[in-house]
N, C-alpha and C. Protein backbone atom coordinates (compact mmCIF):
# COMPACT_ATOMS: atom_id res chain seq x y z
N MET A 1 38.45 -76.35 3.72
CA MET A 1 38.84 -77.00 2.48
C MET A 1 39.91 -78.04 2.78
N CYS A 2 39.74 -79.19 2.26
CA CYS A 2 40.68 -80.28 2.47
C CYS A 2 41.94 -80.03 1.64
N LEU A 3 43.09 -80.05 2.28
CA LEU A 3 44.34 -79.84 1.55
C LEU A 3 45.05 -81.15 1.26
N GLY A 4 44.64 -82.23 1.89
CA GLY A 4 45.28 -83.51 1.66
C GLY A 4 44.53 -84.31 0.61
N ALA A 5 45.13 -85.40 0.20
CA ALA A 5 44.47 -86.29 -0.75
C ALA A 5 43.36 -87.04 -0.05
N TRP A 6 42.29 -87.29 -0.75
CA TRP A 6 41.20 -88.09 -0.18
C TRP A 6 40.68 -88.99 -1.26
N THR A 7 40.10 -90.10 -0.85
CA THR A 7 39.62 -91.10 -1.78
C THR A 7 38.10 -91.14 -1.73
N MET A 8 37.48 -91.14 -2.89
CA MET A 8 36.03 -91.26 -2.96
C MET A 8 35.68 -92.74 -2.95
N THR A 9 34.59 -93.06 -2.30
CA THR A 9 34.06 -94.42 -2.38
C THR A 9 32.55 -94.31 -2.56
N ARG A 10 32.00 -95.26 -3.26
CA ARG A 10 30.56 -95.31 -3.40
C ARG A 10 29.97 -95.88 -2.11
N ALA A 11 28.85 -95.35 -1.69
CA ALA A 11 28.21 -95.83 -0.47
C ALA A 11 27.92 -97.32 -0.59
N GLY A 12 28.43 -98.10 0.35
CA GLY A 12 28.16 -99.52 0.39
C GLY A 12 28.86 -100.34 -0.67
N ALA A 13 29.74 -99.72 -1.46
CA ALA A 13 30.39 -100.46 -2.55
C ALA A 13 31.84 -100.01 -2.70
N ALA A 14 32.59 -100.04 -1.61
CA ALA A 14 33.96 -99.53 -1.62
C ALA A 14 34.86 -100.26 -2.60
N ALA A 15 34.56 -101.51 -2.94
CA ALA A 15 35.42 -102.29 -3.83
C ALA A 15 35.19 -101.97 -5.31
N MET A 16 34.11 -101.30 -5.63
CA MET A 16 33.83 -100.98 -7.03
C MET A 16 34.70 -99.82 -7.49
N PRO A 17 35.28 -99.91 -8.68
CA PRO A 17 36.10 -98.80 -9.17
C PRO A 17 35.24 -97.58 -9.47
N LEU A 18 35.82 -96.42 -9.24
CA LEU A 18 35.12 -95.18 -9.53
C LEU A 18 35.15 -94.90 -11.02
N THR A 19 34.14 -94.24 -11.50
CA THR A 19 34.03 -93.93 -12.92
C THR A 19 34.19 -92.43 -13.13
N HIS A 20 34.30 -92.06 -14.39
CA HIS A 20 34.35 -90.64 -14.73
C HIS A 20 33.11 -89.94 -14.20
N ALA A 21 31.97 -90.61 -14.25
CA ALA A 21 30.72 -90.02 -13.75
C ALA A 21 30.82 -89.71 -12.25
N ASP A 22 31.47 -90.57 -11.49
CA ASP A 22 31.65 -90.33 -10.06
C ASP A 22 32.50 -89.08 -9.83
N PHE A 23 33.57 -88.96 -10.61
CA PHE A 23 34.44 -87.79 -10.46
C PHE A 23 33.73 -86.52 -10.93
N MET A 24 32.96 -86.62 -12.01
CA MET A 24 32.20 -85.45 -12.47
C MET A 24 31.19 -85.03 -11.42
N ALA A 25 30.59 -85.98 -10.74
CA ALA A 25 29.64 -85.65 -9.67
C ALA A 25 30.33 -84.83 -8.57
N ALA A 26 31.58 -85.17 -8.26
CA ALA A 26 32.34 -84.41 -7.26
C ALA A 26 32.58 -82.98 -7.75
N ALA A 27 32.93 -82.83 -9.02
CA ALA A 27 33.16 -81.49 -9.59
C ALA A 27 31.86 -80.69 -9.59
N LEU A 28 30.75 -81.33 -9.91
CA LEU A 28 29.46 -80.64 -9.91
C LEU A 28 29.05 -80.22 -8.51
N GLU A 29 29.38 -81.02 -7.52
CA GLU A 29 29.09 -80.65 -6.13
C GLU A 29 29.85 -79.38 -5.75
N LEU A 30 31.12 -79.30 -6.17
CA LEU A 30 31.92 -78.10 -5.91
C LEU A 30 31.35 -76.90 -6.66
N ALA A 31 30.83 -77.11 -7.87
CA ALA A 31 30.22 -76.04 -8.64
C ALA A 31 28.98 -75.51 -7.93
N ARG A 32 28.15 -76.41 -7.43
CA ARG A 32 26.94 -75.98 -6.71
C ARG A 32 27.32 -75.16 -5.48
N ALA A 33 28.35 -75.57 -4.77
CA ALA A 33 28.79 -74.83 -3.58
C ALA A 33 29.30 -73.44 -3.96
N ALA A 34 30.03 -73.35 -5.08
CA ALA A 34 30.51 -72.04 -5.54
C ALA A 34 29.33 -71.14 -5.88
N GLY A 35 28.35 -71.67 -6.57
CA GLY A 35 27.16 -70.90 -6.91
C GLY A 35 26.42 -70.41 -5.68
N ALA A 36 26.34 -71.25 -4.66
CA ALA A 36 25.66 -70.89 -3.42
C ALA A 36 26.39 -69.75 -2.70
N ARG A 37 27.70 -69.62 -2.94
CA ARG A 37 28.49 -68.54 -2.35
C ARG A 37 28.44 -67.26 -3.19
N GLY A 38 27.71 -67.29 -4.31
CA GLY A 38 27.63 -66.12 -5.17
C GLY A 38 28.69 -66.06 -6.24
N GLU A 39 29.46 -67.12 -6.40
CA GLU A 39 30.49 -67.19 -7.44
C GLU A 39 29.89 -67.80 -8.70
N VAL A 40 30.60 -67.71 -9.82
CA VAL A 40 30.19 -68.42 -11.02
C VAL A 40 30.27 -69.91 -10.68
N PRO A 41 29.22 -70.67 -10.93
CA PRO A 41 29.19 -72.07 -10.47
C PRO A 41 30.05 -73.02 -11.30
N VAL A 42 31.32 -73.07 -10.98
CA VAL A 42 32.25 -73.99 -11.63
C VAL A 42 33.03 -74.71 -10.54
N GLY A 43 33.20 -76.02 -10.72
CA GLY A 43 33.99 -76.83 -9.80
C GLY A 43 34.95 -77.69 -10.60
N ALA A 44 36.07 -78.05 -9.99
CA ALA A 44 37.07 -78.87 -10.67
C ALA A 44 37.79 -79.74 -9.66
N ILE A 45 38.29 -80.88 -10.16
CA ILE A 45 39.11 -81.76 -9.34
C ILE A 45 40.32 -82.20 -10.15
N VAL A 46 41.36 -82.63 -9.45
CA VAL A 46 42.52 -83.24 -10.07
C VAL A 46 42.60 -84.66 -9.52
N VAL A 47 42.68 -85.62 -10.43
CA VAL A 47 42.66 -87.03 -10.06
C VAL A 47 43.97 -87.69 -10.44
N ARG A 48 44.48 -88.50 -9.54
CA ARG A 48 45.63 -89.37 -9.84
C ARG A 48 45.18 -90.79 -9.48
N GLY A 49 45.10 -91.65 -10.48
CA GLY A 49 44.59 -93.00 -10.25
C GLY A 49 43.12 -92.93 -9.87
N ASP A 50 42.79 -93.40 -8.69
CA ASP A 50 41.41 -93.32 -8.23
C ASP A 50 41.26 -92.38 -7.05
N ARG A 51 42.24 -91.47 -6.89
CA ARG A 51 42.22 -90.53 -5.77
C ARG A 51 42.08 -89.10 -6.26
N ILE A 52 41.26 -88.35 -5.58
CA ILE A 52 41.17 -86.92 -5.83
C ILE A 52 42.26 -86.28 -4.97
N ILE A 53 43.20 -85.62 -5.63
CA ILE A 53 44.31 -85.00 -4.90
C ILE A 53 44.19 -83.48 -4.87
N GLY A 54 43.23 -82.93 -5.59
CA GLY A 54 42.99 -81.50 -5.56
C GLY A 54 41.55 -81.22 -5.94
N ARG A 55 40.98 -80.24 -5.30
CA ARG A 55 39.61 -79.85 -5.64
C ARG A 55 39.46 -78.36 -5.43
N GLY A 56 38.54 -77.79 -6.18
CA GLY A 56 38.33 -76.36 -6.03
C GLY A 56 37.05 -75.90 -6.68
N GLY A 57 36.52 -74.84 -6.14
CA GLY A 57 35.38 -74.15 -6.72
C GLY A 57 35.82 -72.73 -7.01
N ASN A 58 35.11 -72.06 -7.89
CA ASN A 58 35.45 -70.68 -8.21
C ASN A 58 35.45 -69.83 -6.93
N THR A 59 36.48 -69.00 -6.77
CA THR A 59 36.56 -68.09 -5.61
C THR A 59 37.11 -66.70 -5.97
N PRO A 60 37.03 -66.25 -7.22
CA PRO A 60 37.62 -64.93 -7.51
C PRO A 60 36.94 -63.78 -6.78
N ILE A 61 35.64 -63.86 -6.56
CA ILE A 61 34.93 -62.78 -5.87
C ILE A 61 35.33 -62.77 -4.40
N ALA A 62 35.23 -63.93 -3.75
CA ALA A 62 35.52 -64.01 -2.32
C ALA A 62 36.96 -63.63 -2.00
N HIS A 63 37.89 -64.00 -2.87
CA HIS A 63 39.30 -63.73 -2.60
C HIS A 63 39.86 -62.53 -3.36
N SER A 64 39.01 -61.83 -4.09
CA SER A 64 39.47 -60.70 -4.92
C SER A 64 40.70 -61.10 -5.72
N ASP A 65 40.60 -62.27 -6.35
CA ASP A 65 41.72 -62.85 -7.09
C ASP A 65 41.23 -63.29 -8.47
N PRO A 66 41.63 -62.58 -9.51
CA PRO A 66 41.15 -62.94 -10.84
C PRO A 66 41.66 -64.29 -11.34
N THR A 67 42.64 -64.88 -10.66
CA THR A 67 43.14 -66.19 -11.07
C THR A 67 42.52 -67.34 -10.29
N ALA A 68 41.60 -67.07 -9.39
CA ALA A 68 41.04 -68.10 -8.52
C ALA A 68 39.89 -68.85 -9.18
N HIS A 69 40.14 -69.30 -10.41
CA HIS A 69 39.17 -70.16 -11.10
C HIS A 69 39.25 -71.55 -10.47
N ALA A 70 38.18 -72.30 -10.57
CA ALA A 70 38.10 -73.62 -9.96
C ALA A 70 39.26 -74.52 -10.38
N GLU A 71 39.59 -74.50 -11.66
CA GLU A 71 40.65 -75.36 -12.17
C GLU A 71 42.00 -75.01 -11.54
N ILE A 72 42.26 -73.74 -11.40
CA ILE A 72 43.54 -73.29 -10.83
C ILE A 72 43.58 -73.60 -9.33
N VAL A 73 42.46 -73.40 -8.64
CA VAL A 73 42.39 -73.71 -7.22
C VAL A 73 42.66 -75.21 -7.01
N ALA A 74 42.04 -76.06 -7.84
CA ALA A 74 42.25 -77.51 -7.73
C ALA A 74 43.69 -77.88 -8.03
N LEU A 75 44.28 -77.25 -9.04
CA LEU A 75 45.67 -77.52 -9.39
C LEU A 75 46.61 -77.12 -8.27
N ARG A 76 46.38 -75.97 -7.67
CA ARG A 76 47.22 -75.53 -6.55
C ARG A 76 47.12 -76.50 -5.38
N GLU A 77 45.91 -76.95 -5.07
CA GLU A 77 45.73 -77.89 -3.97
C GLU A 77 46.43 -79.21 -4.26
N ALA A 78 46.34 -79.68 -5.50
CA ALA A 78 47.01 -80.93 -5.87
C ALA A 78 48.52 -80.79 -5.73
N ALA A 79 49.07 -79.66 -6.12
CA ALA A 79 50.51 -79.45 -5.99
C ALA A 79 50.93 -79.43 -4.52
N ARG A 80 50.14 -78.78 -3.67
CA ARG A 80 50.45 -78.78 -2.23
C ARG A 80 50.34 -80.19 -1.65
N ALA A 81 49.32 -80.93 -2.07
CA ALA A 81 49.10 -82.28 -1.54
C ALA A 81 50.25 -83.22 -1.90
N THR A 82 50.83 -83.02 -3.08
CA THR A 82 51.92 -83.91 -3.52
C THR A 82 53.29 -83.35 -3.18
N GLY A 83 53.36 -82.07 -2.84
CA GLY A 83 54.65 -81.45 -2.57
C GLY A 83 55.47 -81.24 -3.83
N ASN A 84 54.79 -81.14 -4.96
CA ASN A 84 55.49 -81.03 -6.24
C ASN A 84 54.65 -80.19 -7.19
N TYR A 85 55.29 -79.27 -7.89
CA TYR A 85 54.54 -78.47 -8.85
C TYR A 85 54.25 -79.26 -10.12
N ARG A 86 54.97 -80.32 -10.34
CA ARG A 86 54.69 -81.20 -11.48
C ARG A 86 53.69 -82.26 -11.02
N LEU A 87 52.74 -82.53 -11.86
CA LEU A 87 51.68 -83.48 -11.50
C LEU A 87 51.56 -84.56 -12.57
N PRO A 88 52.54 -85.45 -12.64
CA PRO A 88 52.47 -86.51 -13.65
C PRO A 88 51.33 -87.48 -13.36
N ASP A 89 50.81 -88.07 -14.42
CA ASP A 89 49.76 -89.08 -14.30
C ASP A 89 48.49 -88.55 -13.66
N CYS A 90 48.21 -87.28 -13.86
CA CYS A 90 47.01 -86.67 -13.29
C CYS A 90 46.02 -86.32 -14.40
N CYS A 91 44.77 -86.20 -14.00
CA CYS A 91 43.71 -85.82 -14.91
C CYS A 91 42.88 -84.74 -14.23
N ARG A 92 42.54 -83.70 -14.97
CA ARG A 92 41.68 -82.65 -14.44
C ARG A 92 40.27 -82.88 -14.95
N ILE A 93 39.30 -82.79 -14.06
CA ILE A 93 37.90 -82.92 -14.43
C ILE A 93 37.20 -81.66 -13.94
N SER A 94 36.54 -80.97 -14.84
CA SER A 94 35.88 -79.71 -14.52
C SER A 94 34.43 -79.75 -14.93
N SER A 95 33.63 -79.01 -14.21
CA SER A 95 32.21 -78.94 -14.55
C SER A 95 31.99 -78.09 -15.80
N ARG A 96 33.01 -77.34 -16.21
CA ARG A 96 32.93 -76.52 -17.41
C ARG A 96 34.33 -76.29 -17.95
N HIS A 97 34.48 -76.41 -19.26
CA HIS A 97 35.78 -76.14 -19.86
C HIS A 97 36.02 -74.64 -19.87
N ASP A 98 37.18 -74.24 -19.40
CA ASP A 98 37.56 -72.83 -19.36
C ASP A 98 38.88 -72.69 -20.10
N ALA A 99 38.84 -72.10 -21.29
CA ALA A 99 40.05 -71.98 -22.11
C ALA A 99 41.13 -71.17 -21.40
N ALA A 100 40.75 -70.23 -20.55
CA ALA A 100 41.75 -69.43 -19.84
C ALA A 100 42.56 -70.28 -18.88
N CYS A 101 41.98 -71.38 -18.40
CA CYS A 101 42.68 -72.24 -17.44
C CYS A 101 43.35 -73.43 -18.10
N ALA A 102 43.12 -73.65 -19.36
CA ALA A 102 43.63 -74.85 -20.02
C ALA A 102 45.15 -74.86 -20.12
N SER A 103 45.77 -73.75 -20.46
CA SER A 103 47.21 -73.73 -20.64
C SER A 103 47.98 -73.82 -19.33
N PRO A 104 47.72 -72.96 -18.34
CA PRO A 104 48.54 -73.02 -17.14
C PRO A 104 48.42 -74.32 -16.38
N GLU A 105 47.27 -74.95 -16.42
CA GLU A 105 47.11 -76.16 -15.63
C GLU A 105 47.91 -77.33 -16.15
N TRP A 106 48.28 -77.34 -17.42
CA TRP A 106 49.06 -78.46 -17.93
C TRP A 106 50.51 -78.10 -18.13
N ASN A 107 50.93 -76.88 -17.86
CA ASN A 107 52.34 -76.54 -17.93
C ASN A 107 53.19 -77.28 -16.91
N PRO A 108 52.63 -77.70 -15.75
CA PRO A 108 53.49 -78.43 -14.81
C PRO A 108 53.74 -79.88 -15.19
N ARG A 109 53.67 -80.19 -16.46
CA ARG A 109 53.94 -81.54 -16.97
C ARG A 109 53.02 -82.59 -16.38
N CYS A 110 51.75 -82.28 -16.38
CA CYS A 110 50.76 -83.24 -15.87
C CYS A 110 50.72 -84.45 -16.75
C-alpha cells in the first residue's frame, strides 16, 4: 500500500485536469480489490487539489479491526502522508456513503 502522496494522470494526456469521475474510478478500483480479498467492496480516497494523498479499501476482516472501513483507512493514510491529523482543503471520495464514517473523517478540520 502506498503511504505517500501520488498523482493520477490520464494515459497520454498528463496536461488534462482530472475530474471527479477520474477520482471515483480510483475509489472503485480500491473497492474491487477489497471485494476480491473477501471484504465488503468499498474503496475511498482523500484528495487535495489534484493529488490523491490517501487511499483505502475495506480491511476489517483481514485486520480484525471494526474501524478499518475504507474511508477511515484513506483518512489515516492521508494524515500520515501530510504529517498532520488536520487535513484542510481535502475532499473524500468513496465508492459508497457510510454514515458511520462520516463524522470521524471530518473531525480533523478537513
